[in-house]
């Protein structure tokens, strides 16, 4: 899939195929920057030969911050970084064509969309 397609069409849909895992990441990252959110590489599944068979990319605001018993009241409150956002794209490798296909897609966010200034790409494996 060519990333230039995003110039005319900002939509992402199930079934889109990519030649490689990195192509899928670039495409979703470009989509995310147009929609004003950041992407994390979340989950990775490989076969016995080391070939990636599935991968999940998600909004960087996925998850929630844990509360610890020892936590004290902070001197200044910060905006929460994690909001439990469920936006994600899951790709799966189809062996017949050896291409990755969008298998699961959630586009709804539970927070205001904007890229944090000074943020860097996050990778969680």
Foldseek 3Di string as FASTA:
>chain_A
DDLCVCVVPLDDDFFDKDLDPVRVVVNVQSSLVVQAFAKEWADWDADPVRHTFKTKIATQLADFDDDDPPDDDDPDDDDGSHDNWDFMWMWGQDVVVRIITTDDGDHDTPDDGHHDPPDDHYYHD
